[in-house]
N, C-alpha and C. Protein backbone atom coordinates (compact mmCIF):
# COMPACT_ATOMS: atom_id res chain seq x y z
N MET A 1 3.20 21.51 14.57
CA MET A 1 2.47 20.33 14.11
C MET A 1 3.30 19.59 13.07
N THR A 2 3.37 18.29 13.18
CA THR A 2 4.14 17.46 12.26
C THR A 2 3.23 16.97 11.14
N ALA A 3 3.60 17.27 9.91
CA ALA A 3 2.78 16.91 8.75
C ALA A 3 2.93 15.43 8.41
N LEU A 4 2.01 14.95 7.60
CA LEU A 4 2.05 13.60 7.05
C LEU A 4 2.40 13.68 5.57
N ILE A 5 3.41 12.92 5.16
CA ILE A 5 3.69 12.74 3.73
C ILE A 5 3.62 11.25 3.44
N THR A 6 2.78 10.86 2.49
CA THR A 6 2.80 9.48 2.02
C THR A 6 3.72 9.42 0.81
N LEU A 7 4.44 8.31 0.69
CA LEU A 7 5.38 8.13 -0.41
C LEU A 7 5.01 6.86 -1.16
N SER A 8 4.44 7.04 -2.35
CA SER A 8 4.01 5.89 -3.15
C SER A 8 5.07 5.54 -4.19
N HIS A 9 4.92 4.37 -4.77
CA HIS A 9 5.80 3.98 -5.87
C HIS A 9 5.60 4.88 -7.07
N GLY A 10 4.33 5.23 -7.35
CA GLY A 10 3.99 5.98 -8.55
C GLY A 10 3.53 5.03 -9.64
N SER A 11 2.75 5.53 -10.57
CA SER A 11 2.18 4.67 -11.61
C SER A 11 1.85 5.48 -12.85
N ARG A 12 1.85 4.80 -13.99
CA ARG A 12 1.42 5.43 -15.24
C ARG A 12 -0.10 5.46 -15.37
N HIS A 13 -0.80 4.75 -14.49
CA HIS A 13 -2.25 4.69 -14.58
C HIS A 13 -2.84 6.08 -14.31
N PRO A 14 -3.79 6.53 -15.14
CA PRO A 14 -4.31 7.89 -14.99
C PRO A 14 -5.06 8.14 -13.68
N ARG A 15 -5.53 7.08 -13.02
CA ARG A 15 -6.27 7.26 -11.77
C ARG A 15 -5.45 6.94 -10.52
N ALA A 16 -4.19 6.62 -10.71
CA ALA A 16 -3.36 6.20 -9.57
C ALA A 16 -3.22 7.31 -8.54
N LYS A 17 -2.92 8.50 -9.01
CA LYS A 17 -2.65 9.60 -8.08
C LYS A 17 -3.88 9.98 -7.27
N GLU A 18 -5.06 9.92 -7.86
CA GLU A 18 -6.26 10.30 -7.12
C GLU A 18 -6.49 9.35 -5.94
N GLY A 19 -6.15 8.08 -6.12
CA GLY A 19 -6.29 7.13 -5.02
C GLY A 19 -5.32 7.42 -3.88
N ILE A 20 -4.09 7.79 -4.24
CA ILE A 20 -3.09 8.13 -3.23
C ILE A 20 -3.50 9.38 -2.47
N ARG A 21 -3.98 10.37 -3.18
CA ARG A 21 -4.40 11.61 -2.53
C ARG A 21 -5.59 11.38 -1.61
N ALA A 22 -6.54 10.56 -2.05
CA ALA A 22 -7.71 10.28 -1.20
C ALA A 22 -7.28 9.56 0.08
N LEU A 23 -6.38 8.60 -0.05
CA LEU A 23 -5.88 7.88 1.13
C LEU A 23 -5.14 8.82 2.07
N THR A 24 -4.26 9.64 1.52
CA THR A 24 -3.47 10.54 2.36
C THR A 24 -4.35 11.54 3.08
N GLU A 25 -5.31 12.09 2.36
CA GLU A 25 -6.23 13.05 2.97
C GLU A 25 -7.04 12.41 4.09
N ALA A 26 -7.50 11.16 3.86
CA ALA A 26 -8.30 10.48 4.88
C ALA A 26 -7.47 10.21 6.14
N ALA A 27 -6.23 9.77 5.96
CA ALA A 27 -5.36 9.52 7.12
C ALA A 27 -5.05 10.82 7.86
N ALA A 28 -4.77 11.88 7.11
CA ALA A 28 -4.45 13.17 7.72
C ALA A 28 -5.64 13.76 8.46
N GLU A 29 -6.84 13.52 7.93
CA GLU A 29 -8.04 14.00 8.62
C GLU A 29 -8.19 13.30 9.97
N THR A 30 -7.90 12.00 10.00
CA THR A 30 -7.93 11.26 11.26
C THR A 30 -6.93 11.82 12.26
N LEU A 31 -5.75 12.19 11.75
CA LEU A 31 -4.67 12.69 12.60
C LEU A 31 -4.80 14.18 12.93
N GLY A 32 -5.53 14.92 12.08
CA GLY A 32 -5.65 16.36 12.26
C GLY A 32 -4.38 17.11 11.91
N VAL A 33 -3.72 16.69 10.81
CA VAL A 33 -2.44 17.30 10.44
C VAL A 33 -2.43 17.71 8.97
N GLU A 34 -1.47 18.57 8.63
CA GLU A 34 -1.22 18.93 7.24
C GLU A 34 -0.73 17.68 6.49
N TRP A 35 -1.00 17.62 5.19
CA TRP A 35 -0.60 16.42 4.45
C TRP A 35 -0.10 16.76 3.06
N ALA A 36 0.64 15.82 2.51
CA ALA A 36 1.07 15.89 1.12
C ALA A 36 1.32 14.47 0.63
N ASP A 37 1.12 14.26 -0.66
CA ASP A 37 1.46 12.98 -1.27
C ASP A 37 2.73 13.16 -2.08
N ALA A 38 3.57 12.14 -2.12
CA ALA A 38 4.81 12.16 -2.89
C ALA A 38 4.99 10.80 -3.56
N HIS A 39 5.85 10.76 -4.58
CA HIS A 39 5.95 9.56 -5.40
C HIS A 39 7.40 9.31 -5.81
N LEU A 40 7.78 8.03 -5.86
CA LEU A 40 9.14 7.68 -6.22
C LEU A 40 9.40 7.87 -7.71
N GLU A 41 8.41 7.57 -8.54
CA GLU A 41 8.57 7.74 -9.98
C GLU A 41 7.21 7.88 -10.65
N PHE A 42 7.23 8.30 -11.89
CA PHE A 42 6.06 8.46 -12.76
C PHE A 42 5.18 9.66 -12.40
N ASP A 43 4.93 9.91 -11.12
CA ASP A 43 4.05 11.00 -10.69
C ASP A 43 4.83 12.08 -9.96
N ARG A 44 4.24 13.23 -9.82
CA ARG A 44 4.79 14.34 -9.04
C ARG A 44 3.76 14.71 -7.97
N PRO A 45 4.18 15.31 -6.88
CA PRO A 45 5.54 15.76 -6.59
C PRO A 45 6.45 14.64 -6.13
N THR A 46 7.76 14.87 -6.24
CA THR A 46 8.73 14.01 -5.60
C THR A 46 8.68 14.28 -4.10
N LEU A 47 9.39 13.48 -3.34
CA LEU A 47 9.43 13.70 -1.89
C LEU A 47 10.06 15.05 -1.57
N ALA A 48 11.12 15.41 -2.27
CA ALA A 48 11.77 16.70 -2.04
C ALA A 48 10.82 17.85 -2.35
N GLU A 49 10.07 17.74 -3.44
CA GLU A 49 9.12 18.79 -3.81
C GLU A 49 8.00 18.90 -2.79
N ALA A 50 7.50 17.77 -2.32
CA ALA A 50 6.42 17.78 -1.33
C ALA A 50 6.91 18.38 -0.01
N ALA A 51 8.11 18.01 0.41
CA ALA A 51 8.66 18.53 1.66
C ALA A 51 8.88 20.04 1.59
N ALA A 52 9.35 20.52 0.44
CA ALA A 52 9.62 21.95 0.27
C ALA A 52 8.34 22.78 0.29
N ALA A 53 7.22 22.18 -0.09
CA ALA A 53 5.96 22.92 -0.19
C ALA A 53 5.18 22.96 1.12
N LEU A 54 5.59 22.22 2.12
CA LEU A 54 4.85 22.17 3.39
C LEU A 54 4.99 23.47 4.18
N ASP A 55 3.95 23.78 4.93
CA ASP A 55 4.03 24.88 5.90
C ASP A 55 4.75 24.43 7.16
N SER A 56 4.55 23.17 7.52
CA SER A 56 5.17 22.64 8.73
C SER A 56 6.66 22.41 8.53
N PRO A 57 7.47 22.65 9.56
CA PRO A 57 8.91 22.40 9.44
C PRO A 57 9.27 20.92 9.63
N ARG A 58 8.31 20.11 10.03
CA ARG A 58 8.55 18.69 10.28
C ARG A 58 7.48 17.85 9.61
N ALA A 59 7.87 16.63 9.22
CA ALA A 59 6.91 15.71 8.62
C ALA A 59 7.33 14.27 8.88
N ILE A 60 6.35 13.41 8.91
CA ILE A 60 6.59 11.97 8.99
C ILE A 60 6.24 11.37 7.64
N VAL A 61 7.15 10.59 7.09
CA VAL A 61 6.98 9.99 5.77
C VAL A 61 6.55 8.53 5.94
N VAL A 62 5.39 8.19 5.39
CA VAL A 62 4.90 6.82 5.45
C VAL A 62 5.00 6.22 4.05
N PRO A 63 5.93 5.28 3.82
CA PRO A 63 6.02 4.63 2.51
C PRO A 63 4.82 3.72 2.27
N LEU A 64 4.17 3.89 1.15
CA LEU A 64 3.00 3.08 0.83
C LEU A 64 3.45 1.82 0.10
N LEU A 65 4.26 1.04 0.78
CA LEU A 65 4.87 -0.16 0.21
C LEU A 65 4.54 -1.36 1.08
N PHE A 66 4.18 -2.46 0.42
CA PHE A 66 3.85 -3.68 1.16
C PHE A 66 5.06 -4.57 1.40
N THR A 67 6.16 -4.34 0.67
CA THR A 67 7.35 -5.16 0.83
C THR A 67 8.55 -4.30 1.19
N ARG A 68 9.57 -4.97 1.75
CA ARG A 68 10.84 -4.31 2.04
C ARG A 68 11.87 -4.77 1.01
N ALA A 69 11.55 -4.59 -0.24
CA ALA A 69 12.44 -4.99 -1.33
C ALA A 69 13.22 -3.76 -1.82
N PHE A 70 13.56 -3.74 -3.11
CA PHE A 70 14.46 -2.72 -3.65
C PHE A 70 13.99 -1.30 -3.36
N HIS A 71 12.73 -1.01 -3.60
CA HIS A 71 12.24 0.36 -3.43
C HIS A 71 12.40 0.82 -1.98
N ALA A 72 12.07 -0.06 -1.03
CA ALA A 72 12.18 0.30 0.38
C ALA A 72 13.63 0.40 0.84
N LYS A 73 14.49 -0.46 0.29
CA LYS A 73 15.88 -0.52 0.75
C LYS A 73 16.77 0.52 0.07
N VAL A 74 16.45 0.89 -1.17
CA VAL A 74 17.33 1.76 -1.95
C VAL A 74 16.67 3.09 -2.30
N ASP A 75 15.52 3.04 -2.95
CA ASP A 75 14.89 4.27 -3.45
C ASP A 75 14.42 5.19 -2.32
N VAL A 76 13.75 4.62 -1.33
CA VAL A 76 13.22 5.46 -0.24
C VAL A 76 14.33 6.19 0.50
N PRO A 77 15.41 5.52 0.93
CA PRO A 77 16.49 6.26 1.60
C PRO A 77 17.11 7.35 0.73
N ALA A 78 17.23 7.10 -0.57
CA ALA A 78 17.82 8.10 -1.46
C ALA A 78 16.92 9.33 -1.57
N HIS A 79 15.63 9.12 -1.72
CA HIS A 79 14.69 10.24 -1.80
C HIS A 79 14.63 10.99 -0.47
N LEU A 80 14.70 10.25 0.62
CA LEU A 80 14.65 10.87 1.95
C LEU A 80 15.86 11.77 2.17
N ALA A 81 17.03 11.30 1.77
CA ALA A 81 18.25 12.09 1.95
C ALA A 81 18.17 13.41 1.20
N GLU A 82 17.62 13.37 -0.01
CA GLU A 82 17.48 14.60 -0.80
C GLU A 82 16.45 15.54 -0.18
N ALA A 83 15.34 14.98 0.28
CA ALA A 83 14.24 15.81 0.80
C ALA A 83 14.57 16.45 2.14
N ARG A 84 15.50 15.89 2.88
CA ARG A 84 15.83 16.44 4.20
C ARG A 84 16.49 17.81 4.12
N ALA A 85 16.86 18.23 2.93
CA ALA A 85 17.37 19.59 2.76
C ALA A 85 16.25 20.62 2.93
N HIS A 86 15.00 20.20 2.83
CA HIS A 86 13.86 21.11 2.87
C HIS A 86 13.03 21.02 4.14
N CYS A 87 13.17 19.91 4.89
CA CYS A 87 12.25 19.68 6.01
C CYS A 87 12.86 18.63 6.94
N ASP A 88 12.51 18.71 8.21
CA ASP A 88 12.93 17.70 9.18
C ASP A 88 12.02 16.49 9.02
N LEU A 89 12.56 15.41 8.48
CA LEU A 89 11.73 14.26 8.12
C LEU A 89 12.05 13.05 8.99
N THR A 90 10.99 12.35 9.39
CA THR A 90 11.11 11.08 10.10
C THR A 90 10.48 10.00 9.24
N LEU A 91 11.19 8.91 9.06
CA LEU A 91 10.68 7.81 8.23
C LEU A 91 9.91 6.83 9.09
N ALA A 92 8.65 6.58 8.72
CA ALA A 92 7.82 5.60 9.41
C ALA A 92 8.00 4.22 8.78
N GLU A 93 7.46 3.23 9.43
CA GLU A 93 7.44 1.89 8.86
C GLU A 93 6.52 1.87 7.64
N PRO A 94 6.83 1.05 6.63
CA PRO A 94 5.93 0.93 5.48
C PRO A 94 4.66 0.17 5.85
N LEU A 95 3.77 0.03 4.91
CA LEU A 95 2.52 -0.68 5.16
C LEU A 95 2.77 -2.12 5.58
N GLY A 96 3.67 -2.80 4.87
CA GLY A 96 4.02 -4.17 5.20
C GLY A 96 2.91 -5.16 4.89
N THR A 97 3.03 -6.34 5.48
CA THR A 97 2.06 -7.42 5.24
C THR A 97 1.64 -8.06 6.57
N GLY A 98 1.55 -7.25 7.60
CA GLY A 98 1.24 -7.76 8.92
C GLY A 98 -0.24 -8.00 9.17
N PRO A 99 -0.60 -8.31 10.42
CA PRO A 99 -1.99 -8.62 10.77
C PRO A 99 -2.97 -7.49 10.46
N ASP A 100 -2.53 -6.23 10.57
CA ASP A 100 -3.46 -5.14 10.28
C ASP A 100 -3.83 -5.09 8.80
N ILE A 101 -2.91 -5.49 7.93
CA ILE A 101 -3.23 -5.56 6.50
C ILE A 101 -4.19 -6.73 6.23
N ALA A 102 -3.99 -7.84 6.92
CA ALA A 102 -4.92 -8.96 6.80
C ALA A 102 -6.32 -8.55 7.22
N GLU A 103 -6.42 -7.75 8.27
CA GLU A 103 -7.73 -7.26 8.73
C GLU A 103 -8.38 -6.37 7.67
N VAL A 104 -7.60 -5.51 7.05
CA VAL A 104 -8.13 -4.63 5.99
C VAL A 104 -8.67 -5.48 4.84
N LEU A 105 -7.91 -6.48 4.43
CA LEU A 105 -8.34 -7.35 3.33
C LEU A 105 -9.59 -8.14 3.71
N HIS A 106 -9.65 -8.60 4.96
CA HIS A 106 -10.82 -9.36 5.41
C HIS A 106 -12.08 -8.49 5.38
N LYS A 107 -11.96 -7.27 5.84
CA LYS A 107 -13.11 -6.36 5.81
C LYS A 107 -13.57 -6.13 4.38
N ARG A 108 -12.61 -5.97 3.47
CA ARG A 108 -12.98 -5.78 2.07
C ARG A 108 -13.67 -7.02 1.51
N LEU A 109 -13.18 -8.19 1.86
CA LEU A 109 -13.79 -9.43 1.40
C LEU A 109 -15.22 -9.56 1.90
N LEU A 110 -15.45 -9.20 3.16
CA LEU A 110 -16.80 -9.29 3.73
C LEU A 110 -17.77 -8.35 3.03
N ILE A 111 -17.28 -7.23 2.55
CA ILE A 111 -18.13 -6.27 1.84
C ILE A 111 -18.38 -6.71 0.40
N ASP A 112 -17.31 -7.11 -0.28
CA ASP A 112 -17.40 -7.36 -1.72
C ASP A 112 -17.84 -8.77 -2.08
N ALA A 113 -17.48 -9.76 -1.27
CA ALA A 113 -17.79 -11.15 -1.62
C ALA A 113 -17.91 -12.00 -0.36
N PRO A 114 -18.92 -11.73 0.47
CA PRO A 114 -19.02 -12.42 1.76
C PRO A 114 -19.22 -13.92 1.66
N SER A 115 -19.74 -14.40 0.54
CA SER A 115 -19.99 -15.84 0.40
C SER A 115 -18.98 -16.52 -0.52
N ALA A 116 -17.90 -15.86 -0.84
CA ALA A 116 -16.90 -16.45 -1.74
C ALA A 116 -16.31 -17.71 -1.11
N PRO A 117 -16.22 -18.81 -1.89
CA PRO A 117 -15.67 -20.05 -1.35
C PRO A 117 -14.14 -20.08 -1.35
N HIS A 118 -13.55 -19.12 -2.03
CA HIS A 118 -12.09 -19.10 -2.20
C HIS A 118 -11.69 -17.66 -2.50
N ALA A 119 -10.50 -17.27 -2.07
CA ALA A 119 -9.99 -15.93 -2.38
C ALA A 119 -8.57 -16.04 -2.92
N THR A 120 -8.21 -15.07 -3.74
CA THR A 120 -6.85 -15.00 -4.28
C THR A 120 -6.26 -13.64 -3.95
N LEU A 121 -5.16 -13.65 -3.22
CA LEU A 121 -4.41 -12.43 -2.95
C LEU A 121 -3.58 -12.11 -4.19
N PHE A 122 -3.68 -10.86 -4.67
CA PHE A 122 -3.06 -10.48 -5.94
C PHE A 122 -2.13 -9.29 -5.71
N PRO A 123 -0.90 -9.54 -5.26
CA PRO A 123 0.06 -8.46 -5.07
C PRO A 123 0.78 -8.13 -6.37
N VAL A 124 1.48 -7.00 -6.37
CA VAL A 124 2.29 -6.64 -7.54
C VAL A 124 3.29 -7.74 -7.82
N GLY A 125 3.97 -8.21 -6.78
CA GLY A 125 4.96 -9.26 -6.95
C GLY A 125 6.35 -8.77 -6.62
N THR A 126 7.24 -9.71 -6.37
CA THR A 126 8.62 -9.39 -6.04
C THR A 126 9.51 -10.57 -6.40
N SER A 127 10.76 -10.29 -6.75
CA SER A 127 11.74 -11.34 -7.00
C SER A 127 12.49 -11.70 -5.72
N ASP A 128 12.24 -10.97 -4.65
CA ASP A 128 12.86 -11.21 -3.35
C ASP A 128 12.14 -12.37 -2.66
N THR A 129 12.83 -13.49 -2.47
CA THR A 129 12.17 -14.68 -1.94
C THR A 129 11.64 -14.47 -0.52
N GLU A 130 12.36 -13.69 0.28
CA GLU A 130 11.89 -13.42 1.64
C GLU A 130 10.59 -12.64 1.62
N GLN A 131 10.51 -11.66 0.74
CA GLN A 131 9.29 -10.86 0.65
C GLN A 131 8.14 -11.67 0.06
N ALA A 132 8.45 -12.56 -0.89
CA ALA A 132 7.42 -13.43 -1.45
C ALA A 132 6.83 -14.32 -0.36
N ALA A 133 7.67 -14.76 0.57
CA ALA A 133 7.18 -15.57 1.69
C ALA A 133 6.22 -14.77 2.57
N ASN A 134 6.43 -13.46 2.63
CA ASN A 134 5.52 -12.62 3.41
C ASN A 134 4.13 -12.59 2.79
N TYR A 135 4.05 -12.65 1.46
CA TYR A 135 2.75 -12.75 0.80
C TYR A 135 2.03 -14.03 1.24
N THR A 136 2.78 -15.12 1.30
CA THR A 136 2.20 -16.39 1.71
C THR A 136 1.69 -16.33 3.14
N ARG A 137 2.47 -15.70 4.02
CA ARG A 137 2.04 -15.54 5.41
C ARG A 137 0.79 -14.67 5.51
N LEU A 138 0.74 -13.62 4.70
CA LEU A 138 -0.44 -12.75 4.69
C LEU A 138 -1.66 -13.53 4.23
N ALA A 139 -1.50 -14.34 3.20
CA ALA A 139 -2.61 -15.16 2.72
C ALA A 139 -3.08 -16.13 3.80
N SER A 140 -2.15 -16.68 4.56
CA SER A 140 -2.52 -17.58 5.66
C SER A 140 -3.28 -16.84 6.75
N ASP A 141 -2.83 -15.63 7.08
CA ASP A 141 -3.53 -14.82 8.07
C ASP A 141 -4.95 -14.51 7.61
N LEU A 142 -5.09 -14.17 6.34
CA LEU A 142 -6.41 -13.86 5.79
C LEU A 142 -7.29 -15.11 5.78
N ALA A 143 -6.72 -16.24 5.46
CA ALA A 143 -7.48 -17.49 5.44
C ALA A 143 -8.04 -17.82 6.82
N ARG A 144 -7.24 -17.58 7.86
CA ARG A 144 -7.71 -17.83 9.22
C ARG A 144 -8.87 -16.89 9.59
N LEU A 145 -8.77 -15.66 9.16
CA LEU A 145 -9.84 -14.70 9.46
C LEU A 145 -11.12 -15.02 8.70
N ALA A 146 -10.97 -15.40 7.45
CA ALA A 146 -12.13 -15.59 6.57
C ALA A 146 -12.70 -17.00 6.62
N GLY A 147 -11.90 -17.96 7.06
CA GLY A 147 -12.36 -19.34 7.11
C GLY A 147 -12.45 -20.00 5.75
N ILE A 148 -11.69 -19.50 4.79
CA ILE A 148 -11.66 -20.09 3.46
C ILE A 148 -10.21 -20.19 3.00
N GLU A 149 -9.99 -20.96 1.93
CA GLU A 149 -8.64 -21.06 1.37
C GLU A 149 -8.30 -19.78 0.63
N VAL A 150 -7.06 -19.33 0.77
CA VAL A 150 -6.59 -18.13 0.08
C VAL A 150 -5.29 -18.47 -0.65
N SER A 151 -5.28 -18.26 -1.95
CA SER A 151 -4.10 -18.48 -2.77
C SER A 151 -3.41 -17.15 -3.04
N VAL A 152 -2.19 -17.22 -3.57
CA VAL A 152 -1.45 -16.03 -3.95
C VAL A 152 -1.08 -16.12 -5.42
N VAL A 153 -1.39 -15.09 -6.18
CA VAL A 153 -0.96 -14.97 -7.57
C VAL A 153 -0.31 -13.60 -7.72
N GLN A 154 0.97 -13.57 -8.08
CA GLN A 154 1.68 -12.31 -8.24
C GLN A 154 1.45 -11.74 -9.63
N ALA A 155 1.13 -10.45 -9.68
CA ALA A 155 0.84 -9.81 -10.97
C ALA A 155 2.02 -9.85 -11.92
N THR A 156 3.23 -9.79 -11.38
CA THR A 156 4.42 -9.79 -12.22
C THR A 156 5.09 -11.16 -12.27
N GLY A 157 4.44 -12.17 -11.73
CA GLY A 157 5.02 -13.51 -11.73
C GLY A 157 4.84 -14.21 -13.06
N GLY A 158 5.62 -15.24 -13.28
CA GLY A 158 5.52 -15.99 -14.52
C GLY A 158 4.26 -16.83 -14.59
N ASP A 159 3.77 -17.27 -13.42
CA ASP A 159 2.58 -18.12 -13.37
C ASP A 159 1.43 -17.31 -12.78
N ARG A 160 0.50 -16.91 -13.64
CA ARG A 160 -0.64 -16.13 -13.17
C ARG A 160 -1.94 -16.93 -13.30
N ARG A 161 -1.85 -18.24 -13.09
CA ARG A 161 -3.04 -19.07 -13.16
C ARG A 161 -3.84 -18.95 -11.85
N PHE A 162 -5.10 -18.72 -11.97
CA PHE A 162 -5.98 -18.64 -10.81
C PHE A 162 -6.57 -20.04 -10.60
N VAL A 163 -6.30 -20.62 -9.43
CA VAL A 163 -6.55 -22.04 -9.22
C VAL A 163 -8.03 -22.38 -9.09
N ASP A 164 -8.86 -21.42 -8.81
CA ASP A 164 -10.28 -21.68 -8.60
C ASP A 164 -11.09 -20.66 -9.40
N ARG A 165 -11.91 -21.15 -10.32
CA ARG A 165 -12.67 -20.22 -11.16
C ARG A 165 -13.76 -19.50 -10.37
N HIS A 166 -14.04 -19.96 -9.15
CA HIS A 166 -15.02 -19.29 -8.31
C HIS A 166 -14.35 -18.37 -7.28
N THR A 167 -13.08 -18.12 -7.45
CA THR A 167 -12.35 -17.30 -6.49
C THR A 167 -12.77 -15.84 -6.57
N HIS A 168 -12.53 -15.13 -5.48
CA HIS A 168 -12.65 -13.67 -5.49
C HIS A 168 -11.26 -13.10 -5.33
N VAL A 169 -10.88 -12.21 -6.24
CA VAL A 169 -9.53 -11.67 -6.26
C VAL A 169 -9.45 -10.41 -5.39
N LEU A 170 -8.48 -10.41 -4.49
CA LEU A 170 -8.24 -9.26 -3.60
C LEU A 170 -6.89 -8.64 -3.96
N PRO A 171 -6.88 -7.56 -4.71
CA PRO A 171 -5.62 -6.92 -5.07
C PRO A 171 -4.93 -6.32 -3.84
N LEU A 172 -3.65 -6.62 -3.69
CA LEU A 172 -2.84 -5.97 -2.66
C LEU A 172 -2.20 -4.75 -3.31
N PHE A 173 -3.06 -3.81 -3.68
CA PHE A 173 -2.67 -2.59 -4.37
C PHE A 173 -3.18 -1.40 -3.56
N VAL A 174 -2.35 -0.40 -3.39
CA VAL A 174 -2.78 0.81 -2.69
C VAL A 174 -3.76 1.59 -3.53
N THR A 175 -3.50 1.66 -4.83
CA THR A 175 -4.32 2.46 -5.73
C THR A 175 -4.40 1.79 -7.09
N HIS A 176 -5.05 2.46 -8.03
CA HIS A 176 -5.19 1.93 -9.37
C HIS A 176 -3.82 1.76 -10.01
N GLY A 177 -3.67 0.71 -10.80
CA GLY A 177 -2.41 0.46 -11.48
C GLY A 177 -2.63 -0.35 -12.74
N THR A 178 -1.73 -0.23 -13.68
CA THR A 178 -1.89 -0.94 -14.95
C THR A 178 -1.84 -2.45 -14.77
N LEU A 179 -1.16 -2.93 -13.73
CA LEU A 179 -1.07 -4.37 -13.50
C LEU A 179 -2.41 -4.98 -13.09
N LEU A 180 -3.33 -4.17 -12.62
CA LEU A 180 -4.66 -4.69 -12.27
C LEU A 180 -5.40 -5.19 -13.50
N ASP A 181 -4.99 -4.74 -14.67
CA ASP A 181 -5.60 -5.20 -15.91
C ASP A 181 -5.30 -6.67 -16.18
N ARG A 182 -4.38 -7.25 -15.42
CA ARG A 182 -4.03 -8.66 -15.61
C ARG A 182 -5.00 -9.60 -14.90
N ILE A 183 -5.93 -9.06 -14.15
CA ILE A 183 -6.96 -9.91 -13.54
C ILE A 183 -7.97 -10.29 -14.62
N PRO A 184 -8.19 -11.57 -14.86
CA PRO A 184 -9.15 -11.98 -15.89
C PRO A 184 -10.53 -11.38 -15.64
N LEU A 185 -11.16 -10.92 -16.71
CA LEU A 185 -12.44 -10.23 -16.59
C LEU A 185 -13.56 -11.12 -16.07
N HIS A 186 -13.43 -12.43 -16.25
CA HIS A 186 -14.52 -13.32 -15.82
C HIS A 186 -14.50 -13.58 -14.32
N LEU A 187 -13.46 -13.14 -13.63
CA LEU A 187 -13.36 -13.38 -12.20
C LEU A 187 -13.94 -12.23 -11.38
N SER A 188 -14.52 -12.57 -10.25
CA SER A 188 -14.96 -11.56 -9.28
C SER A 188 -13.72 -10.94 -8.65
N ALA A 189 -13.72 -9.62 -8.54
CA ALA A 189 -12.52 -8.94 -8.01
C ALA A 189 -12.89 -7.64 -7.32
N SER A 190 -12.16 -7.34 -6.26
CA SER A 190 -12.27 -6.04 -5.59
C SER A 190 -11.39 -5.03 -6.29
N GLY A 191 -11.57 -3.77 -5.93
CA GLY A 191 -10.70 -2.72 -6.44
C GLY A 191 -9.51 -2.53 -5.52
N PRO A 192 -8.66 -1.55 -5.80
CA PRO A 192 -7.52 -1.26 -4.93
C PRO A 192 -7.99 -0.80 -3.55
N LEU A 193 -7.14 -0.89 -2.57
CA LEU A 193 -7.53 -0.65 -1.17
C LEU A 193 -7.74 0.83 -0.83
N THR A 194 -7.01 1.72 -1.43
CA THR A 194 -7.11 3.18 -1.25
C THR A 194 -7.43 3.55 0.21
N THR A 195 -8.58 4.18 0.44
CA THR A 195 -8.89 4.72 1.77
C THR A 195 -9.12 3.65 2.83
N ASP A 196 -9.26 2.38 2.44
CA ASP A 196 -9.34 1.31 3.44
C ASP A 196 -8.08 1.27 4.29
N LEU A 197 -7.00 1.82 3.76
CA LEU A 197 -5.71 1.80 4.45
C LEU A 197 -5.48 3.03 5.34
N ALA A 198 -6.46 3.90 5.44
CA ALA A 198 -6.26 5.17 6.16
C ALA A 198 -5.86 4.95 7.62
N ASP A 199 -6.50 4.03 8.31
CA ASP A 199 -6.15 3.79 9.71
C ASP A 199 -4.75 3.20 9.84
N VAL A 200 -4.36 2.36 8.88
CA VAL A 200 -3.01 1.78 8.91
C VAL A 200 -1.97 2.89 8.75
N VAL A 201 -2.20 3.78 7.79
CA VAL A 201 -1.28 4.90 7.58
C VAL A 201 -1.22 5.78 8.82
N ALA A 202 -2.37 6.08 9.41
CA ALA A 202 -2.40 6.90 10.62
C ALA A 202 -1.64 6.23 11.76
N ASN A 203 -1.77 4.92 11.88
CA ASN A 203 -1.06 4.20 12.94
C ASN A 203 0.45 4.18 12.70
N ARG A 204 0.87 4.08 11.43
CA ARG A 204 2.31 4.15 11.13
C ARG A 204 2.85 5.53 11.52
N TYR A 205 2.08 6.56 11.25
CA TYR A 205 2.46 7.93 11.63
C TYR A 205 2.60 8.04 13.14
N ARG A 206 1.60 7.56 13.88
CA ARG A 206 1.62 7.68 15.34
C ARG A 206 2.82 6.94 15.94
N ALA A 207 3.11 5.76 15.41
CA ALA A 207 4.23 4.98 15.93
C ALA A 207 5.55 5.70 15.69
N ALA A 208 5.70 6.30 14.51
CA ALA A 208 6.93 7.03 14.20
C ALA A 208 7.05 8.28 15.04
N GLU A 209 5.93 8.95 15.28
CA GLU A 209 5.94 10.16 16.10
C GLU A 209 6.34 9.83 17.54
N LYS A 210 5.84 8.71 18.03
CA LYS A 210 6.16 8.28 19.40
C LYS A 210 7.64 7.95 19.56
N ASP A 211 8.22 7.35 18.51
CA ASP A 211 9.61 6.91 18.58
C ASP A 211 10.61 8.00 18.22
N ALA A 212 10.10 9.11 17.64
CA ALA A 212 11.01 10.16 17.16
C ALA A 212 11.72 10.86 18.32
C-alpha cells in the first residue's frame, strides 16, 4: 500500500499543524491508506522524518501549495531528495489554483455567505508575476461560479485595501496562519479551507499513483 504524505509550508501559528493533520487524515480516510503530515519549516516532522516513520515502503507526496513559486521550485525538490533515502517517494502535483480549487471556494462561499454581493480572494501572496496572474484567473473562475464580482487582495502585498466594505473574504489558506490576522475585523470572513481540500488532495494522490 502506498502511503500519503502531505507537505505544507509550515507556520508559527499554534493551530496550523492541527489543520494540516485534519486535512491529511480526511484525505487518507477517503483513499484508505496510511498517512503522515510533513512541513518545509517551522513545524515537525520534516519530510525525511515523516518518510522514515512510515510502515509503507512507498508514499506519494502532495505539496499543500497553491503556487509554483520558490517553495515549489526549490524547497520541495530539496526536501524530496533528502527524504528519498528513507522511502520510495513520488511527487504529486500541488494544490494549484485550478477549477477544482474554485469549486472548493464556491462551496465555502455558499455555506458562509450565500447572499454576499462581493467576495475577496485572500491568498498569502507571491512576488512571482506569473503566479500572481493565477490568483486573478482563480478569482475570475470563482466569479463565474458565484455570479458576483471577486477581487484579489494578497496578504503579503503592499496594497491590502478591500474595495467593498460589504465583501466576504475567502482566505486561500490551507490552515490557520498568522497572516490571517491581517483581515480587518469588521469584514465578514471564512476560515482556512482545511478539510474542504480533502477531495483535492485525494485526487492529486490518485493522479500521481496512476502516472507512477
